[in-house]
Amino acid sequence: MNKIVLLCPGQGAQAIGMAKAWADASPAARNVLNEADRIFGSGPDGRTLSDIAFHGPIEVLSRTDISQPALYTAAIACYHALPDEVRQGALRATAGLSLGEYTALHLAGAFDFETGLRLVMRRGQLMQQAAEASKGGMVALIGADEAQANEVCAKALAGAAVGAAAGECLVPANFNAPGQIVLSGSIEACDRAVTAADGICRATKLQVAGAFHSPLMAPAAEKLAEALANVTIQPLACEVWSNVTAQPHQASNPELLRKLLVEQLVSPVRWAQSCANMLAAMTADGTRAETAFHELAPGSVLKGLMRRIDKTCEVFPHDAP
């Protein structure tokens, strides 16, 4: 039997209209969206989650507390509407970028849809609150490796005014693909990082709500630990790759899984390393040749990253039917 790997997008993949084509084409996808609307209730403007996902505006959809449950729901709606020949493949592994790790865990049987959605809603709320409470930002580095990213961080922090450096932070937050790293930290340090990168790599400030995957998310991580403590986590039915370790989660170690999900908020997302390690493991056990990689809705961000990680791995995106 052919095997499949499911890749689950994270924050940044949101777009107006996401999952609408799936909902229009598939009763199974529509049922997932209806269930999400029931659980989510009404957003800040009194509308349902699917209404915001379908119609925007993008400023509302891109709020951390909206985009995270919307992305989780869109990916799972897409999964339930995939063609039979895809869904009937044996699930070899799942992996998700940041928020997408929760989607990946649900698909592997760690928790049911509603439990996962409530966790993601809480995570989004906590990250939004932490972002609003701290002056943080993120900077994309193009053409840097990990050592160079650390060099840019050190130079940016060294340029702080006397006394300011003690309260500032700047760390690598996302290792998305070779030559594509994102820094995260205090807004002043982010500003200086753009200049500090000169001669090392290209640097661009990102339009984001806060310093995700940095120490500035510590207040969110503490409260997320409380939410996770109340969740029953079932044994995983397939490999789920951890953003923190770039290795599969232990199938029957819920305490460690909870710990890694908390650490994920303040630790770098090692997506490039996870994908490279996954492909190496599949080559070693002989399953790579018979395995197809599928990216769930929305978009095709992960297909693009995989092209940079390993050109020989083709990913089939499912933004729409």
C-alpha atoms as a PDB file:
ATOM      1  CA  MET A   1       0.000   0.000   0.000  1.00  0.00           C
ATOM      2  CA  ASN A   2       1.255   3.482  -0.831  1.00  0.00           C
ATOM      3  CA  LYS A   3       2.103   5.708   2.108  1.00  0.00           C
ATOM      4  CA  ILE A   4       1.463   9.412   2.649  1.00  0.00           C
ATOM      5  CA  VAL A   5       3.014  12.224   4.667  1.00  0.00           C
ATOM      6  CA  LEU A   6       0.772  15.162   5.585  1.00  0.00           C
ATOM      7  CA  LEU A   7       2.371  18.610   5.923  1.00  0.00           C
ATOM      8  CA  CYS A   8       0.336  21.190   7.845  1.00  0.00           C
ATOM      9  CA  PRO A   9       0.810  24.961   7.323  1.00  0.00           C
ATOM     10  CA  GLY A  10       1.371  27.500  10.069  1.00  0.00           C
ATOM     11  CA  GLN A  11       0.637  31.157  10.683  1.00  0.00           C
ATOM     12  CA  GLY A  12       1.467  33.287   7.658  1.00  0.00           C
ATOM     13  CA  ALA A  13      -0.297  30.942   5.224  1.00  0.00           C
ATOM     14  CA  GLN A  14      -3.707  32.527   5.885  1.00  0.00           C
ATOM     15  CA  ALA A  15      -5.496  34.146   2.937  1.00  0.00           C
ATOM     16  CA  ILE A  16      -9.006  35.465   2.383  1.00  0.00           C
ATOM     17  CA  GLY A  17     -11.189  32.695   0.979  1.00  0.00           C
ATOM     18  CA  MET A  18      -9.167  29.883   2.562  1.00  0.00           C
ATOM     19  CA  ALA A  19     -11.045  26.554   2.640  1.00  0.00           C
ATOM     20  CA  LYS A  20     -14.098  28.046   0.871  1.00  0.00           C
ATOM     21  CA  ALA A  21     -13.577  25.989  -2.288  1.00  0.00           C
ATOM     22  CA  TRP A  22     -13.328  22.851  -0.163  1.00  0.00           C
ATOM     23  CA  ALA A  23     -16.477  23.752   1.779  1.00  0.00           C
ATOM     24  CA  ASP A  24     -18.387  24.383  -1.451  1.00  0.00           C
ATOM     25  CA  ALA A  25     -17.213  21.093  -2.982  1.00  0.00           C
ATOM     26  CA  SER A  26     -17.384  18.726  -0.012  1.00  0.00           C
ATOM     27  CA  PRO A  27     -20.043  18.072   2.667  1.00  0.00           C
ATOM     28  CA  ALA A  28     -17.275  16.579   4.845  1.00  0.00           C
ATOM     29  CA  ALA A  29     -15.281  19.836   4.723  1.00  0.00           C
ATOM     30  CA  ARG A  30     -18.423  21.889   5.350  1.00  0.00           C
ATOM     31  CA  ASN A  31     -19.187  19.773   8.430  1.00  0.00           C
ATOM     32  CA  VAL A  32     -15.728  20.530   9.864  1.00  0.00           C
ATOM     33  CA  LEU A  33     -16.233  24.262   9.321  1.00  0.00           C
ATOM     34  CA  ASN A  34     -19.712  24.150  10.867  1.00  0.00           C
ATOM     35  CA  GLU A  35     -18.304  22.376  13.925  1.00  0.00           C
ATOM     36  CA  ALA A  36     -15.526  24.973  14.191  1.00  0.00           C
ATOM     37  CA  ASP A  37     -18.071  27.801  14.017  1.00  0.00           C
ATOM     38  CA  ARG A  38     -20.048  26.196  16.860  1.00  0.00           C
ATOM     39  CA  ILE A  39     -16.951  25.826  19.063  1.00  0.00           C
ATOM     40  CA  PHE A  40     -15.395  29.200  18.213  1.00  0.00           C
ATOM     41  CA  GLY A  41     -18.561  31.226  18.707  1.00  0.00           C
ATOM     42  CA  SER A  42     -18.267  34.785  17.406  1.00  0.00           C
ATOM     43  CA  GLY A  43     -15.128  36.740  16.615  1.00  0.00           C
ATOM     44  CA  PRO A  44     -14.271  40.310  17.641  1.00  0.00           C
ATOM     45  CA  ASP A  45     -16.761  41.674  15.108  1.00  0.00           C
ATOM     46  CA  GLY A  46     -19.518  39.193  15.973  1.00  0.00           C
ATOM     47  CA  ARG A  47     -18.931  36.947  12.927  1.00  0.00           C
ATOM     48  CA  THR A  48     -18.199  33.244  12.724  1.00  0.00           C
ATOM     49  CA  LEU A  49     -14.745  31.836  12.106  1.00  0.00           C
ATOM     50  CA  SER A  50     -15.647  30.608   8.613  1.00  0.00           C
ATOM     51  CA  ASP A  51     -17.142  33.983   7.681  1.00  0.00           C
ATOM     52  CA  ILE A  52     -13.891  35.718   8.623  1.00  0.00           C
ATOM     53  CA  ALA A  53     -11.841  33.072   6.772  1.00  0.00           C
ATOM     54  CA  PHE A  54     -13.968  33.374   3.627  1.00  0.00           C
ATOM     55  CA  HIS A  55     -14.399  37.153   3.505  1.00  0.00           C
ATOM     56  CA  GLY A  56     -11.709  38.799   5.653  1.00  0.00           C
ATOM     57  CA  PRO A  57     -10.667  41.544   5.938  1.00  0.00           C
ATOM     58  CA  ILE A  58      -7.076  40.341   6.052  1.00  0.00           C
ATOM     59  CA  GLU A  59      -6.330  42.590   9.066  1.00  0.00           C
ATOM     60  CA  VAL A  60      -8.848  40.584  11.125  1.00  0.00           C
ATOM     61  CA  LEU A  61      -7.955  37.188   9.662  1.00  0.00           C
ATOM     62  CA  SER A  62      -4.260  37.796  10.380  1.00  0.00           C
ATOM     63  CA  ARG A  63      -4.808  38.438  14.095  1.00  0.00           C
ATOM     64  CA  THR A  64      -2.987  35.667  15.941  1.00  0.00           C
ATOM     65  CA  ASP A  65      -6.121  34.681  17.876  1.00  0.00           C
ATOM     66  CA  ILE A  66      -8.111  34.376  14.613  1.00  0.00           C
ATOM     67  CA  SER A  67      -5.571  33.013  12.126  1.00  0.00           C
ATOM     68  CA  GLN A  68      -4.490  30.091  14.302  1.00  0.00           C
ATOM     69  CA  PRO A  69      -7.942  28.476  14.747  1.00  0.00           C
ATOM     70  CA  ALA A  70      -8.784  29.354  11.129  1.00  0.00           C
ATOM     71  CA  LEU A  71      -5.650  27.631   9.785  1.00  0.00           C
ATOM     72  CA  TYR A  72      -6.162  24.548  11.973  1.00  0.00           C
ATOM     73  CA  THR A  73      -9.781  24.272  10.791  1.00  0.00           C
ATOM     74  CA  ALA A  74      -8.977  24.862   7.109  1.00  0.00           C
ATOM     75  CA  ALA A  75      -6.302  22.147   7.050  1.00  0.00           C
ATOM     76  CA  ILE A  76      -8.532  19.563   8.726  1.00  0.00           C
ATOM     77  CA  ALA A  77     -11.510  20.442   6.504  1.00  0.00           C
ATOM     78  CA  CYS A  78      -9.211  19.946   3.518  1.00  0.00           C
ATOM     79  CA  TYR A  79      -8.006  16.589   4.856  1.00  0.00           C
ATOM     80  CA  HIS A  80     -11.555  15.234   5.234  1.00  0.00           C
ATOM     81  CA  ALA A  81     -12.341  16.271   1.652  1.00  0.00           C
ATOM     82  CA  LEU A  82      -9.237  14.824  -0.015  1.00  0.00           C
ATOM     83  CA  PRO A  83      -9.812  12.243  -2.756  1.00  0.00           C
ATOM     84  CA  ASP A  84     -10.199   8.661  -1.525  1.00  0.00           C
ATOM     85  CA  GLU A  85      -7.016   7.551  -3.264  1.00  0.00           C
ATOM     86  CA  VAL A  86      -5.064  10.005  -1.087  1.00  0.00           C
ATOM     87  CA  ARG A  87      -6.793   9.369   2.243  1.00  0.00           C
ATOM     88  CA  GLN A  88      -6.667   5.596   1.793  1.00  0.00           C
ATOM     89  CA  GLY A  89      -2.863   5.683   1.811  1.00  0.00           C
ATOM     90  CA  ALA A  90      -1.195   4.521   5.024  1.00  0.00           C
ATOM     91  CA  LEU A  91      -0.191   7.530   7.125  1.00  0.00           C
ATOM     92  CA  ARG A  92       3.625   7.371   7.333  1.00  0.00           C
ATOM     93  CA  ALA A  93       4.101  10.670   9.192  1.00  0.00           C
ATOM     94  CA  THR A  94       2.700  14.123   9.834  1.00  0.00           C
ATOM     95  CA  ALA A  95       4.500  17.406  10.419  1.00  0.00           C
ATOM     96  CA  GLY A  96       3.345  20.967  10.912  1.00  0.00           C
ATOM     97  CA  LEU A  97       5.063  24.337  10.943  1.00  0.00           C
ATOM     98  CA  SER A  98       4.593  25.953  14.376  1.00  0.00           C
ATOM     99  CA  LEU A  99       0.786  26.103  14.772  1.00  0.00           C
ATOM    100  CA  GLY A 100       0.607  23.309  12.178  1.00  0.00           C
ATOM    101  CA  GLU A 101       2.133  20.903  14.708  1.00  0.00           C
ATOM    102  CA  TYR A 102      -1.276  20.867  16.455  1.00  0.00           C
ATOM    103  CA  THR A 103      -2.966  19.940  13.159  1.00  0.00           C
ATOM    104  CA  ALA A 104      -0.362  17.193  12.673  1.00  0.00           C
ATOM    105  CA  LEU A 105      -0.990  15.854  16.191  1.00  0.00           C
ATOM    106  CA  HIS A 106      -4.760  15.764  15.669  1.00  0.00           C
ATOM    107  CA  LEU A 107      -4.347  13.876  12.395  1.00  0.00           C
ATOM    108  CA  ALA A 108      -2.130  11.344  14.203  1.00  0.00           C
ATOM    109  CA  GLY A 109      -4.828  10.766  16.840  1.00  0.00           C
ATOM    110  CA  ALA A 110      -3.354  12.689  19.787  1.00  0.00           C
ATOM    111  CA  PHE A 111      -6.679  14.453  20.452  1.00  0.00           C
ATOM    112  CA  ASP A 112     -10.035  14.982  18.774  1.00  0.00           C
ATOM    113  CA  PHE A 113     -10.914  17.961  16.580  1.00  0.00           C
ATOM    114  CA  GLU A 114     -12.675  19.964  19.301  1.00  0.00           C
ATOM    115  CA  THR A 115      -9.897  19.449  21.855  1.00  0.00           C
ATOM    116  CA  GLY A 116      -7.324  20.569  19.308  1.00  0.00           C
ATOM    117  CA  LEU A 117      -9.344  23.598  18.249  1.00  0.00           C
ATOM    118  CA  ARG A 118      -9.839  24.738  21.850  1.00  0.00           C
ATOM    119  CA  LEU A 119      -6.102  24.334  22.472  1.00  0.00           C
ATOM    120  CA  VAL A 120      -5.265  26.326  19.343  1.00  0.00           C
ATOM    121  CA  MET A 121      -7.783  29.034  20.291  1.00  0.00           C
ATOM    122  CA  ARG A 122      -6.161  29.352  23.717  1.00  0.00           C
ATOM    123  CA  ARG A 123      -2.665  29.350  22.209  1.00  0.00           C
ATOM    124  CA  GLY A 124      -3.638  32.117  19.785  1.00  0.00           C
ATOM    125  CA  GLN A 125      -5.183  34.218  22.560  1.00  0.00           C
ATOM    126  CA  LEU A 126      -2.118  33.834  24.781  1.00  0.00           C
ATOM    127  CA  MET A 127       0.313  34.682  21.971  1.00  0.00           C
ATOM    128  CA  GLN A 128      -1.791  37.715  21.005  1.00  0.00           C
ATOM    129  CA  GLN A 129      -1.752  38.902  24.639  1.00  0.00           C
ATOM    130  CA  ALA A 130       2.005  38.353  24.955  1.00  0.00           C
ATOM    131  CA  ALA A 131       2.587  40.207  21.704  1.00  0.00           C
ATOM    132  CA  GLU A 132       0.480  43.174  22.857  1.00  0.00           C
ATOM    133  CA  ALA A 133       2.279  43.255  26.233  1.00  0.00           C
ATOM    134  CA  SER A 134       5.770  43.366  24.716  1.00  0.00           C
ATOM    135  CA  LYS A 135       7.348  45.439  21.986  1.00  0.00           C
ATOM    136  CA  GLY A 136       8.544  42.678  19.704  1.00  0.00           C
ATOM    137  CA  GLY A 137       9.119  41.977  16.043  1.00  0.00           C
ATOM    138  CA  MET A 138      10.691  39.582  13.560  1.00  0.00           C
ATOM    139  CA  VAL A 139      13.310  39.908  10.806  1.00  0.00           C
ATOM    140  CA  ALA A 140      13.769  37.594   7.812  1.00  0.00           C
ATOM    141  CA  LEU A 141      17.352  36.762   6.845  1.00  0.00           C
ATOM    142  CA  ILE A 142      17.973  35.546   3.296  1.00  0.00           C
ATOM    143  CA  GLY A 143      21.246  33.777   2.555  1.00  0.00           C
ATOM    144  CA  ALA A 144      22.363  33.179   6.161  1.00  0.00           C
ATOM    145  CA  ASP A 145      23.207  29.929   7.949  1.00  0.00           C
ATOM    146  CA  GLU A 146      22.688  29.362  11.688  1.00  0.00           C
ATOM    147  CA  ALA A 147      26.135  30.680  12.668  1.00  0.00           C
ATOM    148  CA  GLN A 148      25.601  33.839  10.631  1.00  0.00           C
ATOM    149  CA  ALA A 149      22.118  34.314  12.121  1.00  0.00           C
ATOM    150  CA  ASN A 150      23.657  34.131  15.604  1.00  0.00           C
ATOM    151  CA  GLU A 151      26.310  36.627  14.494  1.00  0.00           C
ATOM    152  CA  VAL A 152      23.629  39.100  13.358  1.00  0.00           C
ATOM    153  CA  CYS A 153      21.839  38.701  16.715  1.00  0.00           C
ATOM    154  CA  ALA A 154      25.058  39.316  18.655  1.00  0.00           C
ATOM    155  CA  LYS A 155      25.934  42.422  16.606  1.00  0.00           C
ATOM    156  CA  ALA A 156      22.408  43.828  16.984  1.00  0.00           C
ATOM    157  CA  LEU A 157      22.380  43.310  20.751  1.00  0.00           C
ATOM    158  CA  ALA A 158      25.901  44.713  21.103  1.00  0.00           C
ATOM    159  CA  GLY A 159      24.643  47.930  19.516  1.00  0.00           C
ATOM    160  CA  ALA A 160      22.107  48.576  22.274  1.00  0.00           C
ATOM    161  CA  ALA A 161      22.417  51.652  24.446  1.00  0.00           C
ATOM    162  CA  VAL A 162      24.015  51.093  27.853  1.00  0.00           C
ATOM    163  CA  GLY A 163      21.377  49.651  30.172  1.00  0.00           C
ATOM    164  CA  ALA A 164      18.980  48.749  27.359  1.00  0.00           C
ATOM    165  CA  ALA A 165      20.753  45.535  26.364  1.00  0.00           C
ATOM    166  CA  ALA A 166      19.839  43.805  29.633  1.00  0.00           C
ATOM    167  CA  GLY A 167      16.160  44.011  28.756  1.00  0.00           C
ATOM    168  CA  GLU A 168      16.493  43.163  25.065  1.00  0.00           C
ATOM    169  CA  CYS A 169      16.522  39.838  23.288  1.00  0.00           C
ATOM    170  CA  LEU A 170      17.026  38.706  19.702  1.00  0.00           C
ATOM    171  CA  VAL A 171      17.201  35.021  18.717  1.00  0.00           C
ATOM    172  CA  PRO A 172      16.812  32.807  15.642  1.00  0.00           C
ATOM    173  CA  ALA A 173      13.138  31.777  15.686  1.00  0.00           C
ATOM    174  CA  ASN A 174      12.444  29.929  12.434  1.00  0.00           C
ATOM    175  CA  PHE A 175      14.810  27.756  10.421  1.00  0.00           C
ATOM    176  CA  ASN A 176      12.451  27.465   7.459  1.00  0.00           C
ATOM    177  CA  ALA A 177      14.828  26.293   4.735  1.00  0.00           C
ATOM    178  CA  PRO A 178      18.523  26.564   3.862  1.00  0.00           C
ATOM    179  CA  GLY A 179      19.295  30.275   3.567  1.00  0.00           C
ATOM    180  CA  GLN A 180      15.910  31.279   5.008  1.00  0.00           C
ATOM    181  CA  ILE A 181      15.997  32.076   8.744  1.00  0.00           C
ATOM    182  CA  VAL A 182      13.767  34.391  10.787  1.00  0.00           C
ATOM    183  CA  LEU A 183      14.966  36.284  13.882  1.00  0.00           C
ATOM    184  CA  SER A 184      12.621  37.280  16.694  1.00  0.00           C
ATOM    185  CA  GLY A 185      12.932  39.635  19.651  1.00  0.00           C
ATOM    186  CA  SER A 186      12.748  43.184  20.970  1.00  0.00           C
ATOM    187  CA  ILE A 187      11.650  45.734  18.386  1.00  0.00           C
ATOM    188  CA  GLU A 188      14.761  47.904  18.847  1.00  0.00           C
ATOM    189  CA  ALA A 189      17.035  44.885  18.367  1.00  0.00           C
ATOM    190  CA  CYS A 190      15.085  43.925  15.239  1.00  0.00           C
ATOM    191  CA  ASP A 191      15.635  47.421  13.854  1.00  0.00           C
ATOM    192  CA  ARG A 192      19.387  47.170  14.464  1.00  0.00           C
ATOM    193  CA  ALA A 193      19.527  43.647  13.002  1.00  0.00           C
ATOM    194  CA  VAL A 194      18.658  45.001   9.549  1.00  0.00           C
ATOM    195  CA  THR A 195      21.804  47.140   9.666  1.00  0.00           C
ATOM    196  CA  ALA A 196      23.883  44.475  11.455  1.00  0.00           C
ATOM    197  CA  ALA A 197      23.166  42.003   8.634  1.00  0.00           C
ATOM    198  CA  ASP A 198      24.877  44.239   6.072  1.00  0.00           C
ATOM    199  CA  GLY A 199      27.744  42.303   4.517  1.00  0.00           C
ATOM    200  CA  ILE A 200      26.461  38.979   5.930  1.00  0.00           C
ATOM    201  CA  CYS A 201      23.058  38.466   4.299  1.00  0.00           C
ATOM    202  CA  ARG A 202      19.886  40.309   3.264  1.00  0.00           C
ATOM    203  CA  ALA A 203      17.544  41.305   6.095  1.00  0.00           C
ATOM    204  CA  THR A 204      13.927  42.477   5.980  1.00  0.00           C
ATOM    205  CA  LYS A 205      11.615  43.372   8.858  1.00  0.00           C
ATOM    206  CA  LEU A 206       8.360  41.406   8.827  1.00  0.00           C
ATOM    207  CA  GLN A 207       4.861  42.727   9.478  1.00  0.00           C
ATOM    208  CA  VAL A 208       3.946  40.544  12.453  1.00  0.00           C
ATOM    209  CA  ALA A 209       2.079  41.025  15.718  1.00  0.00           C
ATOM    210  CA  GLY A 210       4.978  40.119  17.987  1.00  0.00           C
ATOM    211  CA  ALA A 211       8.196  38.238  18.706  1.00  0.00           C
ATOM    212  CA  PHE A 212       6.996  34.665  18.256  1.00  0.00           C
ATOM    213  CA  HIS A 213       9.259  31.745  19.252  1.00  0.00           C
ATOM    214  CA  SER A 214      11.385  34.005  21.456  1.00  0.00           C
ATOM    215  CA  PRO A 215      11.731  34.597  25.229  1.00  0.00           C
ATOM    216  CA  LEU A 216       9.109  37.373  24.889  1.00  0.00           C
ATOM    217  CA  MET A 217       6.499  34.576  24.561  1.00  0.00           C
ATOM    218  CA  ALA A 218       7.345  33.194  28.047  1.00  0.00           C
ATOM    219  CA  PRO A 219       4.096  34.522  29.649  1.00  0.00           C
ATOM    220  CA  ALA A 220       2.093  32.707  26.944  1.00  0.00           C
ATOM    221  CA  ALA A 221       4.112  29.518  27.427  1.00  0.00           C
ATOM    222  CA  GLU A 222       3.407  29.457  31.173  1.00  0.00           C
ATOM    223  CA  LYS A 223      -0.351  29.701  30.657  1.00  0.00           C
ATOM    224  CA  LEU A 224      -0.310  27.262  27.726  1.00  0.00           C
ATOM    225  CA  ALA A 225       1.248  24.701  30.082  1.00  0.00           C
ATOM    226  CA  GLU A 226      -1.837  25.056  32.311  1.00  0.00           C
ATOM    227  CA  ALA A 227      -4.178  24.450  29.359  1.00  0.00           C
ATOM    228  CA  LEU A 228      -2.188  21.418  28.165  1.00  0.00           C
ATOM    229  CA  ALA A 229      -2.175  19.909  31.667  1.00  0.00           C
ATOM    230  CA  ASN A 230      -5.949  19.448  31.383  1.00  0.00           C
ATOM    231  CA  VAL A 231      -5.830  17.693  27.998  1.00  0.00           C
ATOM    232  CA  THR A 232      -5.756  13.919  27.609  1.00  0.00           C
ATOM    233  CA  ILE A 233      -3.253  12.976  24.903  1.00  0.00           C
ATOM    234  CA  GLN A 234      -3.677   9.615  23.207  1.00  0.00           C
ATOM    235  CA  PRO A 235      -0.812   7.487  21.787  1.00  0.00           C
ATOM    236  CA  LEU A 236       0.240   8.663  18.337  1.00  0.00           C
ATOM    237  CA  ALA A 237      -0.773   6.475  15.398  1.00  0.00           C
ATOM    238  CA  CYS A 238       2.177   7.596  13.248  1.00  0.00           C
ATOM    239  CA  GLU A 239       5.322   9.696  13.474  1.00  0.00           C
ATOM    240  CA  VAL A 240       4.720  13.366  14.278  1.00  0.00           C
ATOM    241  CA  TRP A 241       7.817  15.514  13.897  1.00  0.00           C
ATOM    242  CA  SER A 242       8.579  18.002  16.672  1.00  0.00           C
ATOM    243  CA  ASN A 243       9.455  21.600  15.796  1.00  0.00           C
ATOM    244  CA  VAL A 244      11.699  21.833  18.861  1.00  0.00           C
ATOM    245  CA  THR A 245      13.806  18.670  18.486  1.00  0.00           C
ATOM    246  CA  ALA A 246      13.505  18.039  14.719  1.00  0.00           C
ATOM    247  CA  GLN A 247      12.818  14.408  15.708  1.00  0.00           C
ATOM    248  CA  PRO A 248       9.569  12.418  15.998  1.00  0.00           C
ATOM    249  CA  HIS A 249       7.601  12.802  19.204  1.00  0.00           C
ATOM    250  CA  GLN A 250       7.632   9.705  21.397  1.00  0.00           C
ATOM    251  CA  ALA A 251       4.414   7.880  20.524  1.00  0.00           C
ATOM    252  CA  SER A 252       3.331   7.169  24.116  1.00  0.00           C
ATOM    253  CA  ASN A 253       4.896   9.915  26.248  1.00  0.00           C
ATOM    254  CA  PRO A 254       2.213  12.571  26.768  1.00  0.00           C
ATOM    255  CA  GLU A 255       4.177  14.441  29.449  1.00  0.00           C
ATOM    256  CA  LEU A 256       7.135  14.972  27.134  1.00  0.00           C
ATOM    257  CA  LEU A 257       4.821  15.961  24.298  1.00  0.00           C
ATOM    258  CA  ARG A 258       3.174  18.609  26.506  1.00  0.00           C
ATOM    259  CA  LYS A 259       6.605  19.882  27.577  1.00  0.00           C
ATOM    260  CA  LEU A 260       7.759  20.225  23.956  1.00  0.00           C
ATOM    261  CA  LEU A 261       4.575  22.060  22.928  1.00  0.00           C
ATOM    262  CA  VAL A 262       5.213  24.580  25.716  1.00  0.00           C
ATOM    263  CA  GLU A 263       8.887  24.919  24.728  1.00  0.00           C
ATOM    264  CA  GLN A 264       7.821  25.453  21.118  1.00  0.00           C
ATOM    265  CA  LEU A 265       6.494  28.936  21.983  1.00  0.00           C
ATOM    266  CA  VAL A 266       9.918  30.159  23.151  1.00  0.00           C
ATOM    267  CA  SER A 267      12.206  27.946  21.023  1.00  0.00           C
ATOM    268  CA  PRO A 268      13.214  28.050  17.355  1.00  0.00           C
ATOM    269  CA  VAL A 269      11.098  26.125  14.851  1.00  0.00           C
ATOM    270  CA  ARG A 270      13.537  23.709  13.209  1.00  0.00           C
ATOM    271  CA  TRP A 271      11.441  23.001  10.126  1.00  0.00           C
ATOM    272  CA  ALA A 272      14.302  22.580   7.646  1.00  0.00           C
ATOM    273  CA  GLN A 273      16.062  20.116   9.938  1.00  0.00           C
ATOM    274  CA  SER A 274      12.811  18.209  10.632  1.00  0.00           C
ATOM    275  CA  CYS A 275      12.127  17.732   6.923  1.00  0.00           C
ATOM    276  CA  ALA A 276      15.727  16.726   6.172  1.00  0.00           C
ATOM    277  CA  ASN A 277      15.720  14.250   9.086  1.00  0.00           C
ATOM    278  CA  MET A 278      12.347  12.833   8.020  1.00  0.00           C
ATOM    279  CA  LEU A 279      13.556  12.237   4.462  1.00  0.00           C
ATOM    280  CA  ALA A 280      16.773  10.642   5.735  1.00  0.00           C
ATOM    281  CA  ALA A 281      14.804   8.316   8.040  1.00  0.00           C
ATOM    282  CA  MET A 282      12.489   7.293   5.190  1.00  0.00           C
ATOM    283  CA  THR A 283      15.459   6.620   2.927  1.00  0.00           C
ATOM    284  CA  ALA A 284      17.053   4.514   5.657  1.00  0.00           C
ATOM    285  CA  ASP A 285      13.968   2.341   6.242  1.00  0.00           C
ATOM    286  CA  GLY A 286      13.123   2.051   2.539  1.00  0.00           C
ATOM    287  CA  THR A 287       9.752   3.844   2.661  1.00  0.00           C
ATOM    288  CA  ARG A 288      10.693   7.014   0.789  1.00  0.00           C
ATOM    289  CA  ALA A 289      10.130   5.669  -2.731  1.00  0.00           C
ATOM    290  CA  GLU A 290       6.561   4.574  -1.915  1.00  0.00           C
ATOM    291  CA  THR A 291       5.562   7.710   0.024  1.00  0.00           C
ATOM    292  CA  ALA A 292       3.757  10.777  -1.339  1.00  0.00           C
ATOM    293  CA  PHE A 293       3.914  14.168   0.401  1.00  0.00           C
ATOM    294  CA  HIS A 294       0.707  16.207   0.602  1.00  0.00           C
ATOM    295  CA  GLU A 295       0.344  19.784   1.890  1.00  0.00           C
ATOM    296  CA  LEU A 296      -3.041  20.593   3.390  1.00  0.00           C
ATOM    297  CA  ALA A 297      -4.861  23.882   2.757  1.00  0.00           C
ATOM    298  CA  PRO A 298      -4.313  26.764   2.582  1.00  0.00           C
ATOM    299  CA  GLY A 299      -1.614  27.748   0.108  1.00  0.00           C
ATOM    300  CA  SER A 300       1.606  26.029  -0.908  1.00  0.00           C
ATOM    301  CA  VAL A 301       4.190  27.607   1.420  1.00  0.00           C
ATOM    302  CA  LEU A 302       5.517  24.234   2.579  1.00  0.00           C
ATOM    303  CA  LYS A 303       5.921  22.990  -1.001  1.00  0.00           C
ATOM    304  CA  GLY A 304       8.150  26.009  -1.645  1.00  0.00           C
ATOM    305  CA  LEU A 305      10.211  25.397   1.489  1.00  0.00           C
ATOM    306  CA  MET A 306      10.632  21.709   0.651  1.00  0.00           C
ATOM    307  CA  ARG A 307      11.957  22.651  -2.781  1.00  0.00           C
ATOM    308  CA  ARG A 308      14.791  24.482  -0.982  1.00  0.00           C
ATOM    309  CA  ILE A 309      15.314  21.702   1.576  1.00  0.00           C
ATOM    310  CA  ASP A 310      15.404  18.786  -0.899  1.00  0.00           C
ATOM    311  CA  LYS A 311      14.694  19.315  -4.605  1.00  0.00           C
ATOM    312  CA  THR A 312      14.016  15.601  -5.093  1.00  0.00           C
ATOM    313  CA  CYS A 313      10.962  15.636  -2.764  1.00  0.00           C
ATOM    314  CA  GLU A 314       7.774  16.616  -4.571  1.00  0.00           C
ATOM    315  CA  VAL A 315       4.949  17.992  -2.440  1.00  0.00           C
ATOM    316  CA  PHE A 316       1.345  18.042  -3.706  1.00  0.00           C
ATOM    317  CA  PRO A 317      -0.499  21.111  -2.333  1.00  0.00           C
ATOM    318  CA  HIS A 318      -4.266  21.074  -1.808  1.00  0.00           C
ATOM    319  CA  ASP A 319      -5.202  24.742  -1.599  1.00  0.00           C
ATOM    320  CA  ALA A 320      -8.421  23.915  -3.476  1.00  0.00           C
ATOM    321  CA  PRO A 321     -10.097  20.772  -4.907  1.00  0.00           C
END
